[in-house]
Amino acid sequence: ASSIPLSVALTLKFFLEAVKMQPVRAPKGIPRVGGEIFRVDAK
């Protein structure tokens, strides 16, 4: 029996909210290739 780490607890809560937000939807095909979208960096 283990204590749930905060990071795992946040993961579970996020996953639940994602399921509740859109439980069903219209089926979608394979997305088209879009190429480069954005560039980011960190300093």
PDB file of all heavy atoms in Angstrom:
ATOM      1  N   ALA A   1       0.867  -1.183   0.000  1.00  0.00           N
ATOM      2  CA  ALA A   1       0.000   0.000   0.000  1.00  0.00           C
ATOM      3  C   ALA A   1       0.897   1.223   0.000  1.00  0.00           C
ATOM      4  O   ALA A   1       1.689   1.418   0.928  1.00  0.00           O
ATOM      5  CB  ALA A   1      -0.919  -0.006   1.211  1.00  0.00           C
ATOM      6  N   SER A   2       0.813   2.025  -1.041  1.00  0.00           N
ATOM      7  CA  SER A   2       1.730   3.153  -1.218  1.00  0.00           C
ATOM      8  C   SER A   2       0.972   4.465  -1.267  1.00  0.00           C
ATOM      9  O   SER A   2      -0.148   4.544  -1.770  1.00  0.00           O
ATOM     10  CB  SER A   2       2.534   2.987  -2.512  1.00  0.00           C
ATOM     11  OG  SER A   2       3.251   1.766  -2.512  1.00  0.00           O
ATOM     12  N   SER A   3       1.621   5.513  -0.752  1.00  0.00           N
ATOM     13  CA  SER A   3       1.074   6.857  -0.875  1.00  0.00           C
ATOM     14  C   SER A   3       1.247   7.323  -2.318  1.00  0.00           C
ATOM     15  O   SER A   3       2.317   7.134  -2.914  1.00  0.00           O
ATOM     16  CB  SER A   3       1.802   7.814   0.068  1.00  0.00           C
ATOM     17  OG  SER A   3       1.599   7.434   1.414  1.00  0.00           O
ATOM     18  N   ILE A   4       0.217   7.935  -2.872  1.00  0.00           N
ATOM     19  CA  ILE A   4       0.265   8.363  -4.262  1.00  0.00           C
ATOM     20  C   ILE A   4       1.047   9.670  -4.366  1.00  0.00           C
ATOM     21  O   ILE A   4       0.699  10.658  -3.709  1.00  0.00           O
ATOM     22  CB  ILE A   4      -1.156   8.563  -4.815  1.00  0.00           C
ATOM     23  CG1 ILE A   4      -1.955   7.260  -4.711  1.00  0.00           C
ATOM     24  CG2 ILE A   4      -1.122   9.038  -6.253  1.00  0.00           C
ATOM     25  CD1 ILE A   4      -3.395   7.383  -5.143  1.00  0.00           C
ATOM     26  N   PRO A   5       2.112   9.691  -5.156  1.00  0.00           N
ATOM     27  CA  PRO A   5       2.852  10.944  -5.348  1.00  0.00           C
ATOM     28  C   PRO A   5       1.956  12.017  -5.963  1.00  0.00           C
ATOM     29  O   PRO A   5       1.006  11.715  -6.682  1.00  0.00           O
ATOM     30  CB  PRO A   5       3.986  10.545  -6.308  1.00  0.00           C
ATOM     31  CG  PRO A   5       4.080   9.058  -6.217  1.00  0.00           C
ATOM     32  CD  PRO A   5       2.705   8.582  -5.915  1.00  0.00           C
ATOM     33  N   LEU A   6       2.277  13.280  -5.669  1.00  0.00           N
ATOM     34  CA  LEU A   6       1.474  14.387  -6.177  1.00  0.00           C
ATOM     35  C   LEU A   6       1.436  14.388  -7.702  1.00  0.00           C
ATOM     36  O   LEU A   6       0.397  14.652  -8.304  1.00  0.00           O
ATOM     37  CB  LEU A   6       2.040  15.716  -5.668  1.00  0.00           C
ATOM     38  CG  LEU A   6       1.309  16.979  -6.136  1.00  0.00           C
ATOM     39  CD1 LEU A   6      -0.156  16.951  -5.707  1.00  0.00           C
ATOM     40  CD2 LEU A   6       2.007  18.218  -5.602  1.00  0.00           C
ATOM     41  N   SER A   7       2.570  14.071  -8.337  1.00  0.00           N
ATOM     42  CA  SER A   7       2.611  14.066  -9.805  1.00  0.00           C
ATOM     43  C   SER A   7       1.667  13.023 -10.381  1.00  0.00           C
ATOM     44  O   SER A   7       0.990  13.274 -11.392  1.00  0.00           O
ATOM     45  CB  SER A   7       4.046  13.801 -10.287  1.00  0.00           C
ATOM     46  OG  SER A   7       4.532  12.575  -9.758  1.00  0.00           O
ATOM     47  N   VAL A   8       1.590  11.841  -9.748  1.00  0.00           N
ATOM     48  CA  VAL A   8       0.682  10.793 -10.217  1.00  0.00           C
ATOM     49  C   VAL A   8      -0.763  11.196  -9.950  1.00  0.00           C
ATOM     50  O   VAL A   8      -1.652  10.959 -10.777  1.00  0.00           O
ATOM     51  CB  VAL A   8       1.009   9.448  -9.536  1.00  0.00           C
ATOM     52  CG1 VAL A   8      -0.006   8.376  -9.925  1.00  0.00           C
ATOM     53  CG2 VAL A   8       2.414   8.988  -9.912  1.00  0.00           C
ATOM     54  N   ALA A   9      -1.015  11.822  -8.802  1.00  0.00           N
ATOM     55  CA  ALA A   9      -2.373  12.284  -8.488  1.00  0.00           C
ATOM     56  C   ALA A   9      -2.850  13.305  -9.525  1.00  0.00           C
ATOM     57  O   ALA A   9      -3.996  13.253  -9.984  1.00  0.00           O
ATOM     58  CB  ALA A   9      -2.402  12.891  -7.089  1.00  0.00           C
ATOM     59  N   LEU A  10      -1.967  14.228  -9.917  1.00  0.00           N
ATOM     60  CA  LEU A  10      -2.327  15.209 -10.936  1.00  0.00           C
ATOM     61  C   LEU A  10      -2.582  14.534 -12.282  1.00  0.00           C
ATOM     62  O   LEU A  10      -3.478  14.938 -13.033  1.00  0.00           O
ATOM     63  CB  LEU A  10      -1.213  16.245 -11.070  1.00  0.00           C
ATOM     64  CG  LEU A  10      -1.039  17.196  -9.876  1.00  0.00           C
ATOM     65  CD1 LEU A  10       0.193  18.073 -10.069  1.00  0.00           C
ATOM     66  CD2 LEU A  10      -2.277  18.053  -9.670  1.00  0.00           C
ATOM     67  N   THR A  11      -1.808  13.494 -12.589  1.00  0.00           N
ATOM     68  CA  THR A  11      -2.014  12.746 -13.829  1.00  0.00           C
ATOM     69  C   THR A  11      -3.393  12.097 -13.855  1.00  0.00           C
ATOM     70  O   THR A  11      -4.104  12.160 -14.863  1.00  0.00           O
ATOM     71  CB  THR A  11      -0.926  11.666 -13.985  1.00  0.00           C
ATOM     72  OG1 THR A  11       0.352  12.296 -14.083  1.00  0.00           O
ATOM     73  CG2 THR A  11      -1.162  10.825 -15.219  1.00  0.00           C
ATOM     74  N   LEU A  12      -3.771  11.466 -12.744  1.00  0.00           N
ATOM     75  CA  LEU A  12      -5.077  10.808 -12.669  1.00  0.00           C
ATOM     76  C   LEU A  12      -6.210  11.830 -12.809  1.00  0.00           C
ATOM     77  O   LEU A  12      -7.193  11.585 -13.512  1.00  0.00           O
ATOM     78  CB  LEU A  12      -5.210  10.049 -11.346  1.00  0.00           C
ATOM     79  CG  LEU A  12      -4.241   8.886 -11.122  1.00  0.00           C
ATOM     80  CD1 LEU A  12      -4.473   8.269  -9.751  1.00  0.00           C
ATOM     81  CD2 LEU A  12      -4.381   7.831 -12.207  1.00  0.00           C
ATOM     82  N   LYS A  13      -6.065  12.965 -12.141  1.00  0.00           N
ATOM     83  CA  LYS A  13      -7.110  13.995 -12.205  1.00  0.00           C
ATOM     84  C   LYS A  13      -7.222  14.558 -13.618  1.00  0.00           C
ATOM     85  O   LYS A  13      -8.329  14.759 -14.138  1.00  0.00           O
ATOM     86  CB  LYS A  13      -6.805  15.107 -11.203  1.00  0.00           C
ATOM     87  CG  LYS A  13      -7.935  16.115 -11.048  1.00  0.00           C
ATOM     88  CD  LYS A  13      -7.677  17.057  -9.910  1.00  0.00           C
ATOM     89  CE  LYS A  13      -8.827  18.037  -9.734  1.00  0.00           C
ATOM     90  NZ  LYS A  13     -10.099  17.360  -9.424  1.00  0.00           N
ATOM     91  N   PHE A  14      -6.086  14.793 -14.267  1.00  0.00           N
ATOM     92  CA  PHE A  14      -6.092  15.310 -15.635  1.00  0.00           C
ATOM     93  C   PHE A  14      -6.730  14.312 -16.589  1.00  0.00           C
ATOM     94  O   PHE A  14      -7.519  14.686 -17.461  1.00  0.00           O
ATOM     95  CB  PHE A  14      -4.663  15.626 -16.078  1.00  0.00           C
ATOM     96  CG  PHE A  14      -4.548  15.981 -17.533  1.00  0.00           C
ATOM     97  CD1 PHE A  14      -4.931  17.229 -17.991  1.00  0.00           C
ATOM     98  CD2 PHE A  14      -4.069  15.062 -18.444  1.00  0.00           C
ATOM     99  CE1 PHE A  14      -4.835  17.558 -19.337  1.00  0.00           C
ATOM    100  CE2 PHE A  14      -3.964  15.367 -19.795  1.00  0.00           C
ATOM    101  CZ  PHE A  14      -4.349  16.629 -20.238  1.00  0.00           C
ATOM    102  N   PHE A  15      -6.394  13.033 -16.410  1.00  0.00           N
ATOM    103  CA  PHE A  15      -6.952  12.005 -17.294  1.00  0.00           C
ATOM    104  C   PHE A  15      -8.460  11.914 -17.124  1.00  0.00           C
ATOM    105  O   PHE A  15      -9.198  11.796 -18.116  1.00  0.00           O
ATOM    106  CB  PHE A  15      -6.295  10.659 -16.995  1.00  0.00           C
ATOM    107  CG  PHE A  15      -6.706   9.572 -17.935  1.00  0.00           C
ATOM    108  CD1 PHE A  15      -6.150   9.472 -19.205  1.00  0.00           C
ATOM    109  CD2 PHE A  15      -7.656   8.632 -17.571  1.00  0.00           C
ATOM    110  CE1 PHE A  15      -6.534   8.477 -20.087  1.00  0.00           C
ATOM    111  CE2 PHE A  15      -8.050   7.633 -18.437  1.00  0.00           C
ATOM    112  CZ  PHE A  15      -7.481   7.555 -19.700  1.00  0.00           C
ATOM    113  N   LEU A  16      -8.936  11.969 -15.899  1.00  0.00           N
ATOM    114  CA  LEU A  16     -10.380  11.933 -15.646  1.00  0.00           C
ATOM    115  C   LEU A  16     -11.071  13.116 -16.308  1.00  0.00           C
ATOM    116  O   LEU A  16     -12.116  12.944 -16.949  1.00  0.00           O
ATOM    117  CB  LEU A  16     -10.637  11.936 -14.138  1.00  0.00           C
ATOM    118  CG  LEU A  16     -12.099  12.072 -13.711  1.00  0.00           C
ATOM    119  CD1 LEU A  16     -12.939  10.924 -14.247  1.00  0.00           C
ATOM    120  CD2 LEU A  16     -12.210  12.152 -12.188  1.00  0.00           C
ATOM    121  N   GLU A  17     -10.510  14.313 -16.169  1.00  0.00           N
ATOM    122  CA  GLU A  17     -11.121  15.491 -16.772  1.00  0.00           C
ATOM    123  C   GLU A  17     -11.145  15.388 -18.291  1.00  0.00           C
ATOM    124  O   GLU A  17     -12.087  15.833 -18.945  1.00  0.00           O
ATOM    125  CB  GLU A  17     -10.371  16.751 -16.331  1.00  0.00           C
ATOM    126  CG  GLU A  17     -10.525  17.084 -14.853  1.00  0.00           C
ATOM    127  CD  GLU A  17     -11.985  17.255 -14.452  1.00  0.00           C
ATOM    128  OE1 GLU A  17     -12.743  17.878 -15.232  1.00  0.00           O
ATOM    129  OE2 GLU A  17     -12.368  16.760 -13.378  1.00  0.00           O
ATOM    130  N   ALA A  18     -10.095  14.795 -18.887  1.00  0.00           N
ATOM    131  CA  ALA A  18     -10.051  14.631 -20.343  1.00  0.00           C
ATOM    132  C   ALA A  18     -11.159  13.698 -20.822  1.00  0.00           C
ATOM    133  O   ALA A  18     -11.782  13.938 -21.859  1.00  0.00           O
ATOM    134  CB  ALA A  18      -8.682  14.099 -20.761  1.00  0.00           C
ATOM    135  N   VAL A  19     -11.407  12.626 -20.071  1.00  0.00           N
ATOM    136  CA  VAL A  19     -12.473  11.691 -20.432  1.00  0.00           C
ATOM    137  C   VAL A  19     -13.839  12.341 -20.278  1.00  0.00           C
ATOM    138  O   VAL A  19     -14.710  12.199 -21.142  1.00  0.00           O
ATOM    139  CB  VAL A  19     -12.378  10.405 -19.578  1.00  0.00           C
ATOM    140  CG1 VAL A  19     -13.599   9.513 -19.815  1.00  0.00           C
ATOM    141  CG2 VAL A  19     -11.099   9.634 -19.909  1.00  0.00           C
ATOM    142  N   LYS A  20     -14.053  13.087 -19.200  1.00  0.00           N
ATOM    143  CA  LYS A  20     -15.336  13.730 -18.959  1.00  0.00           C
ATOM    144  C   LYS A  20     -15.614  14.850 -19.966  1.00  0.00           C
ATOM    145  O   LYS A  20     -16.755  15.102 -20.322  1.00  0.00           O
ATOM    146  CB  LYS A  20     -15.371  14.294 -17.533  1.00  0.00           C
ATOM    147  CG  LYS A  20     -15.415  13.231 -16.452  1.00  0.00           C
ATOM    148  CD  LYS A  20     -15.202  13.820 -15.074  1.00  0.00           C
ATOM    149  CE  LYS A  20     -16.289  14.797 -14.697  1.00  0.00           C
ATOM    150  NZ  LYS A  20     -16.095  15.321 -13.317  1.00  0.00           N
ATOM    151  N   MET A  21     -14.552  15.508 -20.443  1.00  0.00           N
ATOM    152  CA  MET A  21     -14.721  16.625 -21.357  1.00  0.00           C
ATOM    153  C   MET A  21     -15.287  16.171 -22.701  1.00  0.00           C
ATOM    154  O   MET A  21     -16.149  16.835 -23.276  1.00  0.00           O
ATOM    155  CB  MET A  21     -13.376  17.323 -21.579  1.00  0.00           C
ATOM    156  CG  MET A  21     -13.459  18.581 -22.429  1.00  0.00           C
ATOM    157  SD  MET A  21     -11.821  19.325 -22.651  1.00  0.00           S
ATOM    158  CE  MET A  21     -11.359  19.597 -20.944  1.00  0.00           C
ATOM    159  N   GLN A  22     -14.815  15.025 -23.206  1.00  0.00           N
ATOM    160  CA  GLN A  22     -15.294  14.542 -24.505  1.00  0.00           C
ATOM    161  C   GLN A  22     -15.308  13.010 -24.507  1.00  0.00           C
ATOM    162  O   GLN A  22     -14.431  12.374 -25.079  1.00  0.00           O
ATOM    163  CB  GLN A  22     -14.398  15.062 -25.633  1.00  0.00           C
ATOM    164  CG  GLN A  22     -15.003  14.847 -27.019  1.00  0.00           C
ATOM    165  CD  GLN A  22     -14.120  15.417 -28.112  1.00  0.00           C
ATOM    166  OE1 GLN A  22     -12.909  15.296 -28.086  1.00  0.00           O
ATOM    167  NE2 GLN A  22     -14.749  16.027 -29.109  1.00  0.00           N
ATOM    168  N   PRO A  23     -16.315  12.394 -23.873  1.00  0.00           N
ATOM    169  CA  PRO A  23     -16.347  10.929 -23.812  1.00  0.00           C
ATOM    170  C   PRO A  23     -16.577  10.276 -25.165  1.00  0.00           C
ATOM    171  O   PRO A  23     -16.091   9.169 -25.411  1.00  0.00           O
ATOM    172  CB  PRO A  23     -17.499  10.642 -22.844  1.00  0.00           C
ATOM    173  CG  PRO A  23     -18.362  11.863 -22.909  1.00  0.00           C
ATOM    174  CD  PRO A  23     -17.436  13.003 -23.146  1.00  0.00           C
ATOM    175  N   VAL A  24     -17.334  10.927 -26.054  1.00  0.00           N
ATOM    176  CA  VAL A  24     -17.563  10.378 -27.396  1.00  0.00           C
ATOM    177  C   VAL A  24     -17.352  11.486 -28.423  1.00  0.00           C
ATOM    178  O   VAL A  24     -17.500  12.671 -28.124  1.00  0.00           O
ATOM    179  CB  VAL A  24     -18.986   9.786 -27.559  1.00  0.00           C
ATOM    180  CG1 VAL A  24     -19.196   8.609 -26.635  1.00  0.00           C
ATOM    181  CG2 VAL A  24     -20.049  10.854 -27.325  1.00  0.00           C
ATOM    182  N   ARG A  25     -17.002  11.092 -29.650  1.00  0.00           N
ATOM    183  CA  ARG A  25     -16.787  12.052 -30.724  1.00  0.00           C
ATOM    184  C   ARG A  25     -16.915  11.337 -32.056  1.00  0.00           C
ATOM    185  O   ARG A  25     -16.927  10.094 -32.118  1.00  0.00           O
ATOM    186  CB  ARG A  25     -15.409  12.696 -30.608  1.00  0.00           C
ATOM    187  CG  ARG A  25     -14.263  11.696 -30.641  1.00  0.00           C
ATOM    188  CD  ARG A  25     -12.926  12.398 -30.645  1.00  0.00           C
ATOM    189  NE  ARG A  25     -11.810  11.506 -30.472  1.00  0.00           N
ATOM    190  CZ  ARG A  25     -11.294  10.740 -31.410  1.00  0.00           C
ATOM    191  NH1 ARG A  25     -11.830  10.754 -32.620  1.00  0.00           N
ATOM    192  NH2 ARG A  25     -10.251   9.959 -31.178  1.00  0.00           N
ATOM    193  N   ALA A  26     -16.986  12.103 -33.120  1.00  0.00           N
ATOM    194  CA  ALA A  26     -17.015  11.528 -34.462  1.00  0.00           C
ATOM    195  C   ALA A  26     -15.644  10.960 -34.796  1.00  0.00           C
ATOM    196  O   ALA A  26     -14.620  11.537 -34.414  1.00  0.00           O
ATOM    197  CB  ALA A  26     -17.400  12.597 -35.479  1.00  0.00           C
ATOM    198  N   PRO A  27     -15.578   9.818 -35.462  1.00  0.00           N
ATOM    199  CA  PRO A  27     -14.274   9.238 -35.814  1.00  0.00           C
ATOM    200  C   PRO A  27     -13.512  10.132 -36.780  1.00  0.00           C
ATOM    201  O   PRO A  27     -14.105  10.784 -37.647  1.00  0.00           O
ATOM    202  CB  PRO A  27     -14.648   7.898 -36.461  1.00  0.00           C
ATOM    203  CG  PRO A  27     -16.041   8.078 -36.947  1.00  0.00           C
ATOM    204  CD  PRO A  27     -16.693   9.009 -35.975  1.00  0.00           C
ATOM    205  N   LYS A  28     -12.203  10.149 -36.623  1.00  0.00           N
ATOM    206  CA  LYS A  28     -11.359  10.974 -37.464  1.00  0.00           C
ATOM    207  C   LYS A  28     -10.343  10.110 -38.190  1.00  0.00           C
ATOM    208  O   LYS A  28      -9.909   9.079 -37.681  1.00  0.00           O
ATOM    209  CB  LYS A  28     -10.637  12.040 -36.634  1.00  0.00           C
ATOM    210  CG  LYS A  28     -11.578  13.032 -35.965  1.00  0.00           C
ATOM    211  CD  LYS A  28     -10.816  14.071 -35.184  1.00  0.00           C
ATOM    212  CE  LYS A  28     -11.769  15.077 -34.553  1.00  0.00           C
ATOM    213  NZ  LYS A  28     -11.040  16.128 -33.786  1.00  0.00           N
ATOM    214  N   GLY A  29      -9.956  10.558 -39.369  1.00  0.00           N
ATOM    215  CA  GLY A  29      -8.972   9.832 -40.147  1.00  0.00           C
ATOM    216  C   GLY A  29      -7.557  10.200 -39.755  1.00  0.00           C
ATOM    217  O   GLY A  29      -7.316  10.950 -38.810  1.00  0.00           O
ATOM    218  N   ILE A  30      -6.596   9.699 -40.506  1.00  0.00           N
ATOM    219  CA  ILE A  30      -5.198   9.994 -40.246  1.00  0.00           C
ATOM    220  C   ILE A  30      -4.943  11.467 -40.559  1.00  0.00           C
ATOM    221  O   ILE A  30      -5.292  11.951 -41.638  1.00  0.00           O
ATOM    222  CB  ILE A  30      -4.285   9.103 -41.112  1.00  0.00           C
ATOM    223  CG1 ILE A  30      -4.541   7.630 -40.779  1.00  0.00           C
ATOM    224  CG2 ILE A  30      -2.825   9.466 -40.912  1.00  0.00           C
ATOM    225  CD1 ILE A  30      -3.792   6.674 -41.673  1.00  0.00           C
ATOM    226  N   PRO A  31      -4.339  12.211 -39.630  1.00  0.00           N
ATOM    227  CA  PRO A  31      -4.111  13.637 -39.897  1.00  0.00           C
ATOM    228  C   PRO A  31      -3.094  13.840 -41.017  1.00  0.00           C
ATOM    229  O   PRO A  31      -2.163  13.055 -41.179  1.00  0.00           O
ATOM    230  CB  PRO A  31      -3.573  14.160 -38.561  1.00  0.00           C
ATOM    231  CG  PRO A  31      -2.998  12.963 -37.886  1.00  0.00           C
ATOM    232  CD  PRO A  31      -3.861  11.807 -38.303  1.00  0.00           C
ATOM    233  N   ARG A  32      -3.297  14.910 -41.793  1.00  0.00           N
ATOM    234  CA  ARG A  32      -2.351  15.204 -42.863  1.00  0.00           C
ATOM    235  C   ARG A  32      -1.048  15.731 -42.278  1.00  0.00           C
ATOM    236  O   ARG A  32      -1.023  16.285 -41.169  1.00  0.00           O
ATOM    237  CB  ARG A  32      -2.941  16.223 -43.825  1.00  0.00           C
ATOM    238  CG  ARG A  32      -3.141  17.604 -43.257  1.00  0.00           C
ATOM    239  CD  ARG A  32      -3.835  18.518 -44.247  1.00  0.00           C
ATOM    240  NE  ARG A  32      -3.862  19.900 -43.805  1.00  0.00           N
ATOM    241  CZ  ARG A  32      -4.741  20.394 -42.976  1.00  0.00           C
ATOM    242  NH1 ARG A  32      -5.689  19.600 -42.481  1.00  0.00           N
ATOM    243  NH2 ARG A  32      -4.703  21.660 -42.613  1.00  0.00           N
ATOM    244  N   VAL A  33       0.028  15.581 -43.015  1.00  0.00           N
ATOM    245  CA  VAL A  33       1.333  16.039 -42.561  1.00  0.00           C
ATOM    246  C   VAL A  33       1.411  17.546 -42.709  1.00  0.00           C
ATOM    247  O   VAL A  33       1.111  18.093 -43.778  1.00  0.00           O
ATOM    248  CB  VAL A  33       2.464  15.360 -43.348  1.00  0.00           C
ATOM    249  CG1 VAL A  33       3.819  15.902 -42.915  1.00  0.00           C
ATOM    250  CG2 VAL A  33       2.400  13.853 -43.163  1.00  0.00           C
ATOM    251  N   GLY A  34       1.795  18.228 -41.648  1.00  0.00           N
ATOM    252  CA  GLY A  34       1.762  19.674 -41.660  1.00  0.00           C
ATOM    253  C   GLY A  34       3.105  20.354 -41.734  1.00  0.00           C
ATOM    254  O   GLY A  34       3.178  21.568 -41.890  1.00  0.00           O
ATOM    255  N   GLY A  35       4.204  19.622 -41.622  1.00  0.00           N
ATOM    256  CA  GLY A  35       5.512  20.255 -41.658  1.00  0.00           C
ATOM    257  C   GLY A  35       5.841  20.973 -40.360  1.00  0.00           C
ATOM    258  O   GLY A  35       5.270  20.698 -39.308  1.00  0.00           O
ATOM    259  N   GLU A  36       6.767  21.933 -40.440  1.00  0.00           N
ATOM    260  CA  GLU A  36       7.194  22.653 -39.246  1.00  0.00           C
ATOM    261  C   GLU A  36       6.077  23.563 -38.753  1.00  0.00           C
ATOM    262  O   GLU A  36       5.442  24.277 -39.536  1.00  0.00           O
ATOM    263  CB  GLU A  36       8.441  23.476 -39.561  1.00  0.00           C
ATOM    264  CG  GLU A  36       9.017  24.152 -38.338  1.00  0.00           C
ATOM    265  CD  GLU A  36      10.297  24.897 -38.652  1.00  0.00           C
ATOM    266  OE1 GLU A  36      11.290  24.226 -39.043  1.00  0.00           O
ATOM    267  OE2 GLU A  36      10.301  26.139 -38.540  1.00  0.00           O
ATOM    268  N   ILE A  37       5.863  23.569 -37.436  1.00  0.00           N
ATOM    269  CA  ILE A  37       4.750  24.318 -36.851  1.00  0.00           C
ATOM    270  C   ILE A  37       5.250  25.507 -36.028  1.00  0.00           C
ATOM    271  O   ILE A  37       4.775  26.618 -36.196  1.00  0.00           O
ATOM    272  CB  ILE A  37       3.877  23.387 -35.991  1.00  0.00           C
ATOM    273  CG1 ILE A  37       3.220  22.327 -36.887  1.00  0.00           C
ATOM    274  CG2 ILE A  37       2.822  24.169 -35.226  1.00  0.00           C
ATOM    275  CD1 ILE A  37       2.503  21.252 -36.123  1.00  0.00           C
ATOM    276  N   PHE A  38       6.166  25.267 -35.111  1.00  0.00           N
ATOM    277  CA  PHE A  38       6.729  26.378 -34.351  1.00  0.00           C
ATOM    278  C   PHE A  38       8.144  26.032 -33.908  1.00  0.00           C
ATOM    279  O   PHE A  38       8.582  24.884 -33.987  1.00  0.00           O
ATOM    280  CB  PHE A  38       5.855  26.744 -33.138  1.00  0.00           C
ATOM    281  CG  PHE A  38       5.607  25.603 -32.191  1.00  0.00           C
ATOM    282  CD1 PHE A  38       6.600  25.127 -31.336  1.00  0.00           C
ATOM    283  CD2 PHE A  38       4.356  25.007 -32.116  1.00  0.00           C
ATOM    284  CE1 PHE A  38       6.359  24.084 -30.462  1.00  0.00           C
ATOM    285  CE2 PHE A  38       4.105  23.960 -31.246  1.00  0.00           C
ATOM    286  CZ  PHE A  38       5.116  23.500 -30.413  1.00  0.00           C
ATOM    287  N   ARG A  39       8.844  27.037 -33.454  1.00  0.00           N
ATOM    288  CA  ARG A  39      10.187  26.861 -32.917  1.00  0.00           C
ATOM    289  C   ARG A  39      10.239  27.468 -31.518  1.00  0.00           C
ATOM    290  O   ARG A  39       9.670  28.540 -31.280  1.00  0.00           O
ATOM    291  CB  ARG A  39      11.242  27.526 -33.810  1.00  0.00           C
ATOM    292  CG  ARG A  39      11.360  26.904 -35.192  1.00  0.00           C
ATOM    293  CD  ARG A  39      12.564  27.422 -35.934  1.00  0.00           C
ATOM    294  NE  ARG A  39      12.666  26.800 -37.259  1.00  0.00           N
ATOM    295  CZ  ARG A  39      13.724  26.941 -38.055  1.00  0.00           C
ATOM    296  NH1 ARG A  39      14.767  27.673 -37.665  1.00  0.00           N
ATOM    297  NH2 ARG A  39      13.752  26.351 -39.239  1.00  0.00           N
ATOM    298  N   VAL A  40      10.913  26.760 -30.616  1.00  0.00           N
ATOM    299  CA  VAL A  40      11.037  27.241 -29.236  1.00  0.00           C
ATOM    300  C   VAL A  40      12.471  27.044 -28.772  1.00  0.00           C
ATOM    301  O   VAL A  40      13.242  26.284 -29.363  1.00  0.00           O
ATOM    302  CB  VAL A  40      10.082  26.488 -28.279  1.00  0.00           C
ATOM    303  CG1 VAL A  40       8.637  26.727 -28.652  1.00  0.00           C
ATOM    304  CG2 VAL A  40      10.385  24.988 -28.256  1.00  0.00           C
ATOM    305  N   ASP A  41      12.808  27.725 -27.696  1.00  0.00           N
ATOM    306  CA  ASP A  41      14.129  27.572 -27.094  1.00  0.00           C
ATOM    307  C   ASP A  41      14.039  27.963 -25.627  1.00  0.00           C
ATOM    308  O   ASP A  41      13.058  28.573 -25.189  1.00  0.00           O
ATOM    309  CB  ASP A  41      15.161  28.442 -27.819  1.00  0.00           C
ATOM    310  CG  ASP A  41      16.594  27.946 -27.582  1.00  0.00           C
ATOM    311  OD1 ASP A  41      16.752  26.954 -26.844  1.00  0.00           O
ATOM    312  OD2 ASP A  41      17.543  28.555 -28.118  1.00  0.00           O
ATOM    313  N   ALA A  42      15.077  27.596 -24.882  1.00  0.00           N
ATOM    314  CA  ALA A  42      15.154  27.939 -23.462  1.00  0.00           C
ATOM    315  C   ALA A  42      16.564  28.413 -23.148  1.00  0.00           C
ATOM    316  O   ALA A  42      17.537  27.932 -23.735  1.00  0.00           O
ATOM    317  CB  ALA A  42      14.798  26.728 -22.595  1.00  0.00           C
ATOM    318  N   LYS A  43      16.657  29.339 -22.236  1.00  0.00           N
ATOM    319  CA  LYS A  43      17.944  29.877 -21.822  1.00  0.00           C
ATOM    320  C   LYS A  43      18.044  29.828 -20.303  1.00  0.00           C
ATOM    321  O   LYS A  43      17.100  30.189 -19.597  1.00  0.00           O
ATOM    322  CB  LYS A  43      18.107  31.320 -22.299  1.00  0.00           C
ATOM    323  CG  LYS A  43      19.423  31.967 -21.870  1.00  0.00           C
ATOM    324  CD  LYS A  43      19.496  33.417 -22.344  1.00  0.00           C
ATOM    325  CE  LYS A  43      20.804  34.070 -21.905  1.00  0.00           C
ATOM    326  NZ  LYS A  43      20.896  35.477 -22.347  1.00  0.00           N
TER     327      LYS A  43
END
